[in-house]
Amino acid sequence: MSRPTASTSSAKDGQLRPTAAAAKAREPMNVLIVGVGGQGVIMVSKALASLAQSKGYQVKQSEVHGMAKRGGTVFSHVRFGPQVWSPTIPKGEADILVALEWAEGLRWLPFLKPDTGIFICDTKRIVPPFACLNRRPGAPLRYSRETPAEVRAQVAEAYAIDATRMAEELGNERAANVVLIGALSTALDFPAGDWEKSLAQFVPKKTIAVNLDAFRLGRSWIEEARTNPVVTEAPAAKAAALAHVPYSVRLEITPEWCKSCDICVKLCPERCLRLNAERIVELAQPEKCTGCRLCELLCPDFAIRVHLDSAVVAIAAAAQETKA
């Protein structure tokens, strides 16, 4: 398995800070988890809160959730310590910020402690529909252009992890949030075995094995990044117009996951989708599809995956390596 690219900034002592043990002698530990609907933000916060409570800490949790469609902002405050009064983390007081989506991570950076805060973020980009004015691959997007290097200069400690790709290599993209839990676990003094027991309570029973693999991969990634950091400037990118490049789009539909909700059909900008006789979505007019991935983003059941031909993917990837 190839090692994902990363951007790191290590603490002076080579260890992530702060630790759960420190919470016993000072203010509560503040962990802020952010992302968008469908990524599993609440699961991450529940696993952490449950583990902290099992260790005898007083725990307060505050969250915004219940997004009817994927793509909306979701965040969760988790505070634990000997005594916790408020469930919300004041701006500038988060010890650790865990972000499951790049732009959301940047948006919440003001909540991180400026001198000691730890930033752990997936480089996953979920571009909102209003950013897709030109929906061809590689077209300019209204999306945050800050690079990991620029973020690293603003915080005490930063880790940009390609957690989604790591989870895909394990065979389950949805386990990206657990890869980040693995990374988070190295910043807190809870035994790895206790983390795994807590995770097993909140992930689907059939996915426990792959989620435990994802958790261990996240932990090992951090350990390697401390001693052998690899710097990348993804995901912020120079978006190159690829209108002149021929390409094709293929939709991967998982029929047993499609619930015939019709969301993708109604919201497809090009009107190229339809429900077939079995009420399963299909690409009716492939020549109109631009590969904007809006259907993939909005599907509440992960039933659609959009694939572009390799030539376009390679060109788009090359364009993303150059800062705007």
C-alpha atoms as a PDB file:
ATOM      1  CA  MET A   1       0.000   0.000   0.000  1.00  0.00           C
ATOM      2  CA  SER A   2       1.430   3.357  -1.003  1.00  0.00           C
ATOM      3  CA  ARG A   3       1.975   5.900   1.728  1.00  0.00           C
ATOM      4  CA  PRO A   4      -0.476   8.825   1.445  1.00  0.00           C
ATOM      5  CA  THR A   5       0.921  12.302   1.137  1.00  0.00           C
ATOM      6  CA  ALA A   6       0.859  14.486   4.200  1.00  0.00           C
ATOM      7  CA  SER A   7       1.713  17.831   5.659  1.00  0.00           C
ATOM      8  CA  THR A   8       2.895  17.915   9.239  1.00  0.00           C
ATOM      9  CA  SER A   9       4.314  20.227  11.827  1.00  0.00           C
ATOM     10  CA  SER A  10       5.755  18.384  14.796  1.00  0.00           C
ATOM     11  CA  ALA A  11       5.877  19.494  18.402  1.00  0.00           C
ATOM     12  CA  LYS A  12       9.279  20.386  19.779  1.00  0.00           C
ATOM     13  CA  ASP A  13       9.429  17.270  21.900  1.00  0.00           C
ATOM     14  CA  GLY A  14       8.328  15.054  19.004  1.00  0.00           C
ATOM     15  CA  GLN A  15       5.049  14.206  20.680  1.00  0.00           C
ATOM     16  CA  LEU A  16       1.545  15.365  20.048  1.00  0.00           C
ATOM     17  CA  ARG A  17       0.150  17.669  22.700  1.00  0.00           C
ATOM     18  CA  PRO A  18      -1.879  17.983  24.883  1.00  0.00           C
ATOM     19  CA  THR A  19      -2.721  14.723  26.672  1.00  0.00           C
ATOM     20  CA  ALA A  20      -5.723  13.443  28.555  1.00  0.00           C
ATOM     21  CA  ALA A  21      -3.605  13.124  31.675  1.00  0.00           C
ATOM     22  CA  ALA A  22      -3.020  16.867  31.643  1.00  0.00           C
ATOM     23  CA  ALA A  23      -6.766  17.429  31.886  1.00  0.00           C
ATOM     24  CA  LYS A  24      -6.697  16.099  35.438  1.00  0.00           C
ATOM     25  CA  ALA A  25      -4.673  19.076  36.616  1.00  0.00           C
ATOM     26  CA  ARG A  26      -6.178  21.895  34.580  1.00  0.00           C
ATOM     27  CA  GLU A  27      -9.118  23.027  32.506  1.00  0.00           C
ATOM     28  CA  PRO A  28     -11.181  20.460  30.558  1.00  0.00           C
ATOM     29  CA  MET A  29      -9.805  18.970  27.373  1.00  0.00           C
ATOM     30  CA  ASN A  30     -11.560  20.562  24.389  1.00  0.00           C
ATOM     31  CA  VAL A  31     -11.903  18.575  21.165  1.00  0.00           C
ATOM     32  CA  LEU A  32     -13.824  20.034  18.219  1.00  0.00           C
ATOM     33  CA  ILE A  33     -14.908  17.683  15.397  1.00  0.00           C
ATOM     34  CA  VAL A  34     -16.216  19.231  12.172  1.00  0.00           C
ATOM     35  CA  GLY A  35     -17.253  18.144   8.692  1.00  0.00           C
ATOM     36  CA  VAL A  36     -20.296  17.866   6.476  1.00  0.00           C
ATOM     37  CA  GLY A  37     -23.398  15.708   6.626  1.00  0.00           C
ATOM     38  CA  GLY A  38     -22.798  12.047   5.846  1.00  0.00           C
ATOM     39  CA  GLN A  39     -19.153  11.910   6.931  1.00  0.00           C
ATOM     40  CA  GLY A  40     -19.693  10.551  10.435  1.00  0.00           C
ATOM     41  CA  VAL A  41     -18.818  13.583  12.574  1.00  0.00           C
ATOM     42  CA  ILE A  42     -21.267  12.553  15.280  1.00  0.00           C
ATOM     43  CA  MET A  43     -19.916   9.005  15.404  1.00  0.00           C
ATOM     44  CA  VAL A  44     -16.407  10.348  16.026  1.00  0.00           C
ATOM     45  CA  SER A  45     -17.602  12.573  18.857  1.00  0.00           C
ATOM     46  CA  LYS A  46     -19.691   9.830  20.447  1.00  0.00           C
ATOM     47  CA  ALA A  47     -16.799   7.375  20.427  1.00  0.00           C
ATOM     48  CA  LEU A  48     -14.542   9.947  22.111  1.00  0.00           C
ATOM     49  CA  ALA A  49     -17.177  11.023  24.636  1.00  0.00           C
ATOM     50  CA  SER A  50     -17.994   7.431  25.564  1.00  0.00           C
ATOM     51  CA  LEU A  51     -14.335   6.558  26.052  1.00  0.00           C
ATOM     52  CA  ALA A  52     -13.665   9.632  28.213  1.00  0.00           C
ATOM     53  CA  GLN A  53     -16.723   8.890  30.347  1.00  0.00           C
ATOM     54  CA  SER A  54     -15.626   5.288  30.833  1.00  0.00           C
ATOM     55  CA  LYS A  55     -12.366   6.617  32.290  1.00  0.00           C
ATOM     56  CA  GLY A  56     -14.204   8.563  34.966  1.00  0.00           C
ATOM     57  CA  TYR A  57     -14.100  12.010  33.381  1.00  0.00           C
ATOM     58  CA  GLN A  58     -17.041  14.353  33.420  1.00  0.00           C
ATOM     59  CA  VAL A  59     -18.072  14.801  29.782  1.00  0.00           C
ATOM     60  CA  LYS A  60     -20.114  17.462  28.015  1.00  0.00           C
ATOM     61  CA  GLN A  61     -21.042  17.220  24.343  1.00  0.00           C
ATOM     62  CA  SER A  62     -22.797  19.706  22.087  1.00  0.00           C
ATOM     63  CA  GLU A  63     -23.544  19.145  18.427  1.00  0.00           C
ATOM     64  CA  VAL A  64     -25.437  20.267  15.356  1.00  0.00           C
ATOM     65  CA  HIS A  65     -26.699  17.327  13.317  1.00  0.00           C
ATOM     66  CA  GLY A  66     -29.783  15.838  11.712  1.00  0.00           C
ATOM     67  CA  MET A  67     -28.902  17.050   8.216  1.00  0.00           C
ATOM     68  CA  ALA A  68     -31.634  15.781   5.873  1.00  0.00           C
ATOM     69  CA  LYS A  69     -29.235  15.771   2.941  1.00  0.00           C
ATOM     70  CA  ARG A  70     -25.519  15.242   2.749  1.00  0.00           C
ATOM     71  CA  GLY A  71     -23.334  18.296   2.306  1.00  0.00           C
ATOM     72  CA  GLY A  72     -24.521  20.529   5.178  1.00  0.00           C
ATOM     73  CA  THR A  73     -22.209  21.677   7.955  1.00  0.00           C
ATOM     74  CA  VAL A  74     -22.013  19.385  10.990  1.00  0.00           C
ATOM     75  CA  PHE A  75     -19.927  20.004  14.102  1.00  0.00           C
ATOM     76  CA  SER A  76     -19.584  18.566  17.576  1.00  0.00           C
ATOM     77  CA  HIS A  77     -17.956  19.965  20.722  1.00  0.00           C
ATOM     78  CA  VAL A  78     -16.557  17.390  23.160  1.00  0.00           C
ATOM     79  CA  ARG A  79     -15.222  18.567  26.531  1.00  0.00           C
ATOM     80  CA  PHE A  80     -13.977  16.250  29.279  1.00  0.00           C
ATOM     81  CA  GLY A  81     -12.097  16.612  32.525  1.00  0.00           C
ATOM     82  CA  PRO A  82     -12.484  16.450  36.319  1.00  0.00           C
ATOM     83  CA  GLN A  83     -15.263  19.036  36.105  1.00  0.00           C
ATOM     84  CA  VAL A  84     -16.914  20.520  33.037  1.00  0.00           C
ATOM     85  CA  TRP A  85     -19.455  23.318  33.256  1.00  0.00           C
ATOM     86  CA  SER A  86     -20.262  24.299  29.671  1.00  0.00           C
ATOM     87  CA  PRO A  87     -20.801  21.948  26.698  1.00  0.00           C
ATOM     88  CA  THR A  88     -19.481  24.418  24.132  1.00  0.00           C
ATOM     89  CA  ILE A  89     -15.895  25.360  23.325  1.00  0.00           C
ATOM     90  CA  PRO A  90     -15.159  29.098  23.196  1.00  0.00           C
ATOM     91  CA  LYS A  91     -13.347  30.502  20.192  1.00  0.00           C
ATOM     92  CA  GLY A  92      -9.601  30.069  20.577  1.00  0.00           C
ATOM     93  CA  GLU A  93      -9.934  27.367  23.256  1.00  0.00           C
ATOM     94  CA  ALA A  94      -9.987  24.070  21.305  1.00  0.00           C
ATOM     95  CA  ASP A  95      -7.037  21.848  22.178  1.00  0.00           C
ATOM     96  CA  ILE A  96      -7.618  19.659  19.138  1.00  0.00           C
ATOM     97  CA  LEU A  97      -9.528  20.349  15.936  1.00  0.00           C
ATOM     98  CA  VAL A  98     -10.422  17.266  13.879  1.00  0.00           C
ATOM     99  CA  ALA A  99     -11.833  18.052  10.444  1.00  0.00           C
ATOM    100  CA  LEU A 100     -13.288  15.475   8.068  1.00  0.00           C
ATOM    101  CA  GLU A 101     -13.366  17.958   5.167  1.00  0.00           C
ATOM    102  CA  TRP A 102     -10.712  20.474   4.177  1.00  0.00           C
ATOM    103  CA  ALA A 103     -12.740  23.697   3.862  1.00  0.00           C
ATOM    104  CA  GLU A 104     -14.655  22.972   7.077  1.00  0.00           C
ATOM    105  CA  GLY A 105     -11.357  22.528   8.876  1.00  0.00           C
ATOM    106  CA  LEU A 106     -10.158  25.913   7.662  1.00  0.00           C
ATOM    107  CA  ARG A 107     -13.443  27.571   8.614  1.00  0.00           C
ATOM    108  CA  TRP A 108     -13.110  26.412  12.225  1.00  0.00           C
ATOM    109  CA  LEU A 109      -9.418  27.245  12.679  1.00  0.00           C
ATOM    110  CA  PRO A 110     -10.201  30.349  14.813  1.00  0.00           C
ATOM    111  CA  PHE A 111     -11.482  27.974  17.513  1.00  0.00           C
ATOM    112  CA  LEU A 112      -8.075  26.313  17.889  1.00  0.00           C
ATOM    113  CA  LYS A 113      -5.674  27.405  20.627  1.00  0.00           C
ATOM    114  CA  PRO A 114      -3.073  29.540  18.815  1.00  0.00           C
ATOM    115  CA  ASP A 115      -0.008  28.387  20.755  1.00  0.00           C
ATOM    116  CA  THR A 116      -0.663  24.702  21.515  1.00  0.00           C
ATOM    117  CA  GLY A 117      -3.597  23.590  19.370  1.00  0.00           C
ATOM    118  CA  ILE A 118      -3.430  20.499  17.164  1.00  0.00           C
ATOM    119  CA  PHE A 119      -5.057  20.481  13.731  1.00  0.00           C
ATOM    120  CA  ILE A 120      -5.880  17.057  12.211  1.00  0.00           C
ATOM    121  CA  CYS A 121      -7.641  17.265   8.861  1.00  0.00           C
ATOM    122  CA  ASP A 122      -8.608  15.039   5.961  1.00  0.00           C
ATOM    123  CA  THR A 123      -7.653  16.554   2.593  1.00  0.00           C
ATOM    124  CA  LYS A 124     -11.054  15.436   1.308  1.00  0.00           C
ATOM    125  CA  ARG A 125     -12.780  18.208  -0.639  1.00  0.00           C
ATOM    126  CA  ILE A 126     -16.573  18.271  -0.853  1.00  0.00           C
ATOM    127  CA  VAL A 127     -17.368  21.142  -3.172  1.00  0.00           C
ATOM    128  CA  PRO A 128     -20.818  22.652  -2.550  1.00  0.00           C
ATOM    129  CA  PRO A 129     -23.233  22.862  -5.498  1.00  0.00           C
ATOM    130  CA  PHE A 130     -23.001  26.662  -5.675  1.00  0.00           C
ATOM    131  CA  ALA A 131     -19.287  26.302  -6.405  1.00  0.00           C
ATOM    132  CA  CYS A 132     -19.990  24.304  -9.561  1.00  0.00           C
ATOM    133  CA  LEU A 133     -20.824  27.143 -11.942  1.00  0.00           C
ATOM    134  CA  ASN A 134     -18.679  25.466 -14.596  1.00  0.00           C
ATOM    135  CA  ARG A 135     -19.126  21.769 -14.019  1.00  0.00           C
ATOM    136  CA  ARG A 136     -16.470  20.385 -16.368  1.00  0.00           C
ATOM    137  CA  PRO A 137     -13.509  18.590 -14.734  1.00  0.00           C
ATOM    138  CA  GLY A 138     -10.755  20.957 -13.685  1.00  0.00           C
ATOM    139  CA  ALA A 139     -12.849  24.105 -14.102  1.00  0.00           C
ATOM    140  CA  PRO A 140     -12.323  26.900 -11.529  1.00  0.00           C
ATOM    141  CA  LEU A 141     -14.250  26.308  -8.315  1.00  0.00           C
ATOM    142  CA  ARG A 142     -15.343  28.669  -5.587  1.00  0.00           C
ATOM    143  CA  TYR A 143     -13.472  26.668  -2.990  1.00  0.00           C
ATOM    144  CA  SER A 144     -10.868  27.531  -0.394  1.00  0.00           C
ATOM    145  CA  ARG A 145      -7.385  27.720  -1.936  1.00  0.00           C
ATOM    146  CA  GLU A 146      -5.273  27.658   1.247  1.00  0.00           C
ATOM    147  CA  THR A 147      -2.567  25.016   1.186  1.00  0.00           C
ATOM    148  CA  PRO A 148      -1.389  22.803   4.063  1.00  0.00           C
ATOM    149  CA  ALA A 149       1.835  24.822   4.202  1.00  0.00           C
ATOM    150  CA  GLU A 150      -0.120  28.036   4.706  1.00  0.00           C
ATOM    151  CA  VAL A 151      -2.247  26.437   7.416  1.00  0.00           C
ATOM    152  CA  ARG A 152       0.811  25.002   9.115  1.00  0.00           C
ATOM    153  CA  ALA A 153       2.206  28.500   9.508  1.00  0.00           C
ATOM    154  CA  GLN A 154      -0.890  29.556  11.441  1.00  0.00           C
ATOM    155  CA  VAL A 155      -1.112  26.777  14.047  1.00  0.00           C
ATOM    156  CA  ALA A 156       1.192  25.066  16.506  1.00  0.00           C
ATOM    157  CA  GLU A 157       0.832  21.583  15.050  1.00  0.00           C
ATOM    158  CA  ALA A 158      -0.860  20.449  11.839  1.00  0.00           C
ATOM    159  CA  TYR A 159      -1.506  17.126  10.113  1.00  0.00           C
ATOM    160  CA  ALA A 160      -3.126  17.010   6.662  1.00  0.00           C
ATOM    161  CA  ILE A 161      -4.061  13.398   5.970  1.00  0.00           C
ATOM    162  CA  ASP A 162      -5.440  11.828   2.816  1.00  0.00           C
ATOM    163  CA  ALA A 163      -7.714   9.745   5.038  1.00  0.00           C
ATOM    164  CA  THR A 164     -10.341   9.145   2.371  1.00  0.00           C
ATOM    165  CA  ARG A 165      -7.849   7.517   0.011  1.00  0.00           C
ATOM    166  CA  MET A 166      -6.422   5.470   2.862  1.00  0.00           C
ATOM    167  CA  ALA A 167      -9.915   4.190   3.656  1.00  0.00           C
ATOM    168  CA  GLU A 168     -10.566   3.427  -0.015  1.00  0.00           C
ATOM    169  CA  GLU A 169      -7.423   1.304  -0.104  1.00  0.00           C
ATOM    170  CA  LEU A 170      -8.824  -0.660   2.827  1.00  0.00           C
ATOM    171  CA  GLY A 171     -12.000  -1.259   0.817  1.00  0.00           C
ATOM    172  CA  ASN A 172     -14.409   1.090   2.602  1.00  0.00           C
ATOM    173  CA  GLU A 173     -14.364   4.840   1.920  1.00  0.00           C
ATOM    174  CA  ARG A 174     -16.740   5.428   4.825  1.00  0.00           C
ATOM    175  CA  ALA A 175     -13.981   4.428   7.248  1.00  0.00           C
ATOM    176  CA  ALA A 176     -12.127   7.707   6.563  1.00  0.00           C
ATOM    177  CA  ASN A 177     -13.522   9.153   9.795  1.00  0.00           C
ATOM    178  CA  VAL A 178     -12.063   6.223  11.722  1.00  0.00           C
ATOM    179  CA  VAL A 179      -8.653   6.840  10.141  1.00  0.00           C
ATOM    180  CA  LEU A 180      -8.885  10.299  11.691  1.00  0.00           C
ATOM    181  CA  ILE A 181      -9.927   8.789  15.022  1.00  0.00           C
ATOM    182  CA  GLY A 182      -6.730   6.769  14.872  1.00  0.00           C
ATOM    183  CA  ALA A 183      -4.763   9.964  14.326  1.00  0.00           C
ATOM    184  CA  LEU A 184      -6.657  11.692  17.142  1.00  0.00           C
ATOM    185  CA  SER A 185      -5.988   8.801  19.504  1.00  0.00           C
ATOM    186  CA  THR A 186      -2.251   9.522  19.463  1.00  0.00           C
ATOM    187  CA  ALA A 187      -2.934  12.938  21.011  1.00  0.00           C
ATOM    188  CA  LEU A 188      -4.775  11.520  24.020  1.00  0.00           C
ATOM    189  CA  ASP A 189      -3.504   9.173  26.725  1.00  0.00           C
ATOM    190  CA  PHE A 190      -6.166   6.515  26.302  1.00  0.00           C
ATOM    191  CA  PRO A 191      -4.902   2.990  25.504  1.00  0.00           C
ATOM    192  CA  ALA A 192      -5.376   1.867  21.912  1.00  0.00           C
ATOM    193  CA  GLY A 193      -7.316  -1.162  23.081  1.00  0.00           C
ATOM    194  CA  ASP A 194      -9.851   1.037  24.857  1.00  0.00           C
ATOM    195  CA  TRP A 195     -10.279   3.138  21.727  1.00  0.00           C
ATOM    196  CA  GLU A 196     -11.015  -0.012  19.735  1.00  0.00           C
ATOM    197  CA  LYS A 197     -13.604  -1.179  22.267  1.00  0.00           C
ATOM    198  CA  SER A 198     -15.330   2.192  22.083  1.00  0.00           C
ATOM    199  CA  LEU A 199     -15.320   2.176  18.282  1.00  0.00           C
ATOM    200  CA  ALA A 200     -16.872  -1.285  18.191  1.00  0.00           C
ATOM    201  CA  GLN A 201     -19.921   0.120  19.979  1.00  0.00           C
ATOM    202  CA  PHE A 202     -20.633   2.772  17.341  1.00  0.00           C
ATOM    203  CA  VAL A 203     -19.750   1.289  13.939  1.00  0.00           C
ATOM    204  CA  PRO A 204     -21.980  -1.249  12.140  1.00  0.00           C
ATOM    205  CA  LYS A 205     -21.238  -4.753  13.355  1.00  0.00           C
ATOM    206  CA  LYS A 206     -20.386  -5.987   9.862  1.00  0.00           C
ATOM    207  CA  THR A 207     -17.739  -3.296   9.475  1.00  0.00           C
ATOM    208  CA  ILE A 208     -15.915  -3.667  12.784  1.00  0.00           C
ATOM    209  CA  ALA A 209     -12.916  -5.413  11.193  1.00  0.00           C
ATOM    210  CA  VAL A 210     -12.309  -2.821   8.470  1.00  0.00           C
ATOM    211  CA  ASN A 211     -12.871   0.034  10.923  1.00  0.00           C
ATOM    212  CA  LEU A 212     -10.321  -1.375  13.329  1.00  0.00           C
ATOM    213  CA  ASP A 213      -7.873  -1.620  10.438  1.00  0.00           C
ATOM    214  CA  ALA A 214      -8.627   2.014   9.598  1.00  0.00           C
ATOM    215  CA  PHE A 215      -8.066   3.055  13.217  1.00  0.00           C
ATOM    216  CA  ARG A 216      -4.687   1.299  13.369  1.00  0.00           C
ATOM    217  CA  LEU A 217      -3.701   2.787  10.022  1.00  0.00           C
ATOM    218  CA  GLY A 218      -4.424   6.294  11.306  1.00  0.00           C
ATOM    219  CA  ARG A 219      -2.305   5.703  14.403  1.00  0.00           C
ATOM    220  CA  SER A 220       0.616   4.285  12.450  1.00  0.00           C
ATOM    221  CA  TRP A 221       0.399   7.107   9.911  1.00  0.00           C
ATOM    222  CA  ILE A 222       0.879   9.713  12.660  1.00  0.00           C
ATOM    223  CA  GLU A 223       3.802   7.809  14.137  1.00  0.00           C
ATOM    224  CA  GLU A 224       5.501   7.689  10.738  1.00  0.00           C
ATOM    225  CA  ALA A 225       4.687  11.328   9.986  1.00  0.00           C
ATOM    226  CA  ARG A 226       6.437  12.419  13.189  1.00  0.00           C
ATOM    227  CA  THR A 227       9.743  10.951  12.093  1.00  0.00           C
ATOM    228  CA  ASN A 228       9.420  11.098   8.307  1.00  0.00           C
ATOM    229  CA  PRO A 229       7.146  13.986   7.324  1.00  0.00           C
ATOM    230  CA  VAL A 230       6.135  14.242   3.688  1.00  0.00           C
ATOM    231  CA  VAL A 231       4.998  17.676   2.581  1.00  0.00           C
ATOM    232  CA  THR A 232       2.312  18.216  -0.024  1.00  0.00           C
ATOM    233  CA  GLU A 233       0.492  21.288  -1.217  1.00  0.00           C
ATOM    234  CA  ALA A 234      -2.754  19.441  -2.034  1.00  0.00           C
ATOM    235  CA  PRO A 235      -5.666  19.951  -1.928  1.00  0.00           C
ATOM    236  CA  ALA A 236      -5.579  23.675  -2.657  1.00  0.00           C
ATOM    237  CA  ALA A 237      -5.014  23.972  -6.326  1.00  0.00           C
ATOM    238  CA  LYS A 238      -4.799  25.905  -9.498  1.00  0.00           C
ATOM    239  CA  ALA A 239      -7.900  24.836 -11.356  1.00  0.00           C
ATOM    240  CA  ALA A 240      -7.072  24.368 -15.018  1.00  0.00           C
ATOM    241  CA  ALA A 241      -9.862  24.636 -17.580  1.00  0.00           C
ATOM    242  CA  LEU A 242     -10.127  21.289 -19.351  1.00  0.00           C
ATOM    243  CA  ALA A 243     -12.877  22.161 -21.781  1.00  0.00           C
ATOM    244  CA  HIS A 244     -10.665  21.154 -24.704  1.00  0.00           C
ATOM    245  CA  VAL A 245      -9.860  17.715 -23.267  1.00  0.00           C
ATOM    246  CA  PRO A 246     -12.187  14.898 -24.362  1.00  0.00           C
ATOM    247  CA  TYR A 247     -13.427  12.767 -21.508  1.00  0.00           C
ATOM    248  CA  SER A 248     -16.101  10.257 -20.596  1.00  0.00           C
ATOM    249  CA  VAL A 249     -18.093   9.735 -17.420  1.00  0.00           C
ATOM    250  CA  ARG A 250     -19.154   6.459 -15.884  1.00  0.00           C
ATOM    251  CA  LEU A 251     -21.651   6.174 -13.056  1.00  0.00           C
ATOM    252  CA  GLU A 252     -21.234   3.263 -10.669  1.00  0.00           C
ATOM    253  CA  ILE A 253     -24.646   2.467  -9.224  1.00  0.00           C
ATOM    254  CA  THR A 254     -25.145   0.090  -6.300  1.00  0.00           C
ATOM    255  CA  PRO A 255     -28.769  -1.008  -6.880  1.00  0.00           C
ATOM    256  CA  GLU A 256     -29.289  -2.501  -3.441  1.00  0.00           C
ATOM    257  CA  TRP A 257     -28.395   0.853  -1.856  1.00  0.00           C
ATOM    258  CA  CYS A 258     -30.629   3.002  -4.070  1.00  0.00           C
ATOM    259  CA  LYS A 259     -33.868   3.847  -2.240  1.00  0.00           C
ATOM    260  CA  SER A 260     -35.564   5.500  -5.260  1.00  0.00           C
ATOM    261  CA  CYS A 261     -35.664   8.828  -3.406  1.00  0.00           C
ATOM    262  CA  ASP A 262     -35.284  10.705  -6.734  1.00  0.00           C
ATOM    263  CA  ILE A 263     -33.040  13.393  -5.202  1.00  0.00           C
ATOM    264  CA  CYS A 264     -30.261  12.895  -7.735  1.00  0.00           C
ATOM    265  CA  VAL A 265     -32.674  12.875 -10.668  1.00  0.00           C
ATOM    266  CA  LYS A 266     -34.402  16.088  -9.663  1.00  0.00           C
ATOM    267  CA  LEU A 267     -31.239  18.001  -8.777  1.00  0.00           C
ATOM    268  CA  CYS A 268     -28.984  16.905 -11.649  1.00  0.00           C
ATOM    269  CA  PRO A 269     -28.009  20.198 -13.360  1.00  0.00           C
ATOM    270  CA  GLU A 270     -27.846  18.538 -16.777  1.00  0.00           C
ATOM    271  CA  ARG A 271     -31.043  16.478 -16.365  1.00  0.00           C
ATOM    272  CA  CYS A 272     -29.246  13.351 -17.542  1.00  0.00           C
ATOM    273  CA  LEU A 273     -30.441  10.919 -14.825  1.00  0.00           C
ATOM    274  CA  ARG A 274     -33.656   8.944 -14.519  1.00  0.00           C
ATOM    275  CA  LEU A 275     -35.204   6.083 -12.561  1.00  0.00           C
ATOM    276  CA  ASN A 276     -35.570   2.888 -14.582  1.00  0.00           C
ATOM    277  CA  ALA A 277     -38.443   0.421 -14.527  1.00  0.00           C
ATOM    278  CA  GLU A 278     -37.141  -0.994 -11.226  1.00  0.00           C
ATOM    279  CA  ARG A 279     -36.998   2.541  -9.769  1.00  0.00           C
ATOM    280  CA  ILE A 280     -33.192   2.449  -9.698  1.00  0.00           C
ATOM    281  CA  VAL A 281     -31.279   5.497 -10.868  1.00  0.00           C
ATOM    282  CA  GLU A 282     -29.394   5.256 -14.157  1.00  0.00           C
ATOM    283  CA  LEU A 283     -27.470   7.563 -16.489  1.00  0.00           C
ATOM    284  CA  ALA A 284     -29.965   8.078 -19.311  1.00  0.00           C
ATOM    285  CA  GLN A 285     -28.008  10.639 -21.349  1.00  0.00           C
ATOM    286  CA  PRO A 286     -24.274  10.082 -20.808  1.00  0.00           C
ATOM    287  CA  GLU A 287     -23.344  12.642 -23.464  1.00  0.00           C
ATOM    288  CA  LYS A 288     -24.777  15.403 -21.233  1.00  0.00           C
ATOM    289  CA  CYS A 289     -23.060  14.368 -18.011  1.00  0.00           C
ATOM    290  CA  THR A 290     -20.195  16.673 -17.003  1.00  0.00           C
ATOM    291  CA  GLY A 291     -19.002  14.542 -14.087  1.00  0.00           C
ATOM    292  CA  CYS A 292     -19.774  17.306 -11.578  1.00  0.00           C
ATOM    293  CA  ARG A 293     -20.386  14.669  -8.865  1.00  0.00           C
ATOM    294  CA  LEU A 294     -23.434  16.503  -7.533  1.00  0.00           C
ATOM    295  CA  CYS A 295     -25.462  13.279  -7.597  1.00  0.00           C
ATOM    296  CA  GLU A 296     -22.728  11.517  -5.637  1.00  0.00           C
ATOM    297  CA  LEU A 297     -22.629  14.335  -3.111  1.00  0.00           C
ATOM    298  CA  LEU A 298     -26.382  14.460  -2.558  1.00  0.00           C
ATOM    299  CA  CYS A 299     -27.135  10.721  -2.474  1.00  0.00           C
ATOM    300  CA  PRO A 300     -28.061   9.986   1.169  1.00  0.00           C
ATOM    301  CA  ASP A 301     -27.293   6.282   0.750  1.00  0.00           C
ATOM    302  CA  PHE A 302     -23.911   6.396  -1.058  1.00  0.00           C
ATOM    303  CA  ALA A 303     -25.500   4.546  -3.995  1.00  0.00           C
ATOM    304  CA  ILE A 304     -23.721   6.582  -6.699  1.00  0.00           C
ATOM    305  CA  ARG A 305     -20.039   6.894  -7.510  1.00  0.00           C
ATOM    306  CA  VAL A 306     -18.842   9.037 -10.424  1.00  0.00           C
ATOM    307  CA  HIS A 307     -15.772   7.932 -12.378  1.00  0.00           C
ATOM    308  CA  LEU A 308     -13.959  10.009 -15.016  1.00  0.00           C
ATOM    309  CA  ASP A 309     -11.616   8.515 -17.591  1.00  0.00           C
ATOM    310  CA  SER A 310      -7.972   8.327 -16.560  1.00  0.00           C
ATOM    311  CA  ALA A 311      -6.755  11.079 -18.916  1.00  0.00           C
ATOM    312  CA  VAL A 312      -8.907  13.736 -17.305  1.00  0.00           C
ATOM    313  CA  VAL A 313      -8.134  12.525 -13.808  1.00  0.00           C
ATOM    314  CA  ALA A 314      -4.395  12.741 -14.516  1.00  0.00           C
ATOM    315  CA  ILE A 315      -4.660  16.256 -15.942  1.00  0.00           C
ATOM    316  CA  ALA A 316      -6.864  17.475 -13.111  1.00  0.00           C
ATOM    317  CA  ALA A 317      -4.489  15.967 -10.539  1.00  0.00           C
ATOM    318  CA  ALA A 318      -1.537  17.692 -12.200  1.00  0.00           C
ATOM    319  CA  ALA A 319      -3.385  21.001 -12.128  1.00  0.00           C
ATOM    320  CA  GLN A 320      -4.027  20.619  -8.411  1.00  0.00           C
ATOM    321  CA  GLU A 321      -0.312  20.434  -7.664  1.00  0.00           C
ATOM    322  CA  THR A 322       0.179  24.071  -8.641  1.00  0.00           C
ATOM    323  CA  LYS A 323      -0.904  26.763  -6.230  1.00  0.00           C
ATOM    324  CA  ALA A 324      -3.275  29.356  -7.659  1.00  0.00           C
END
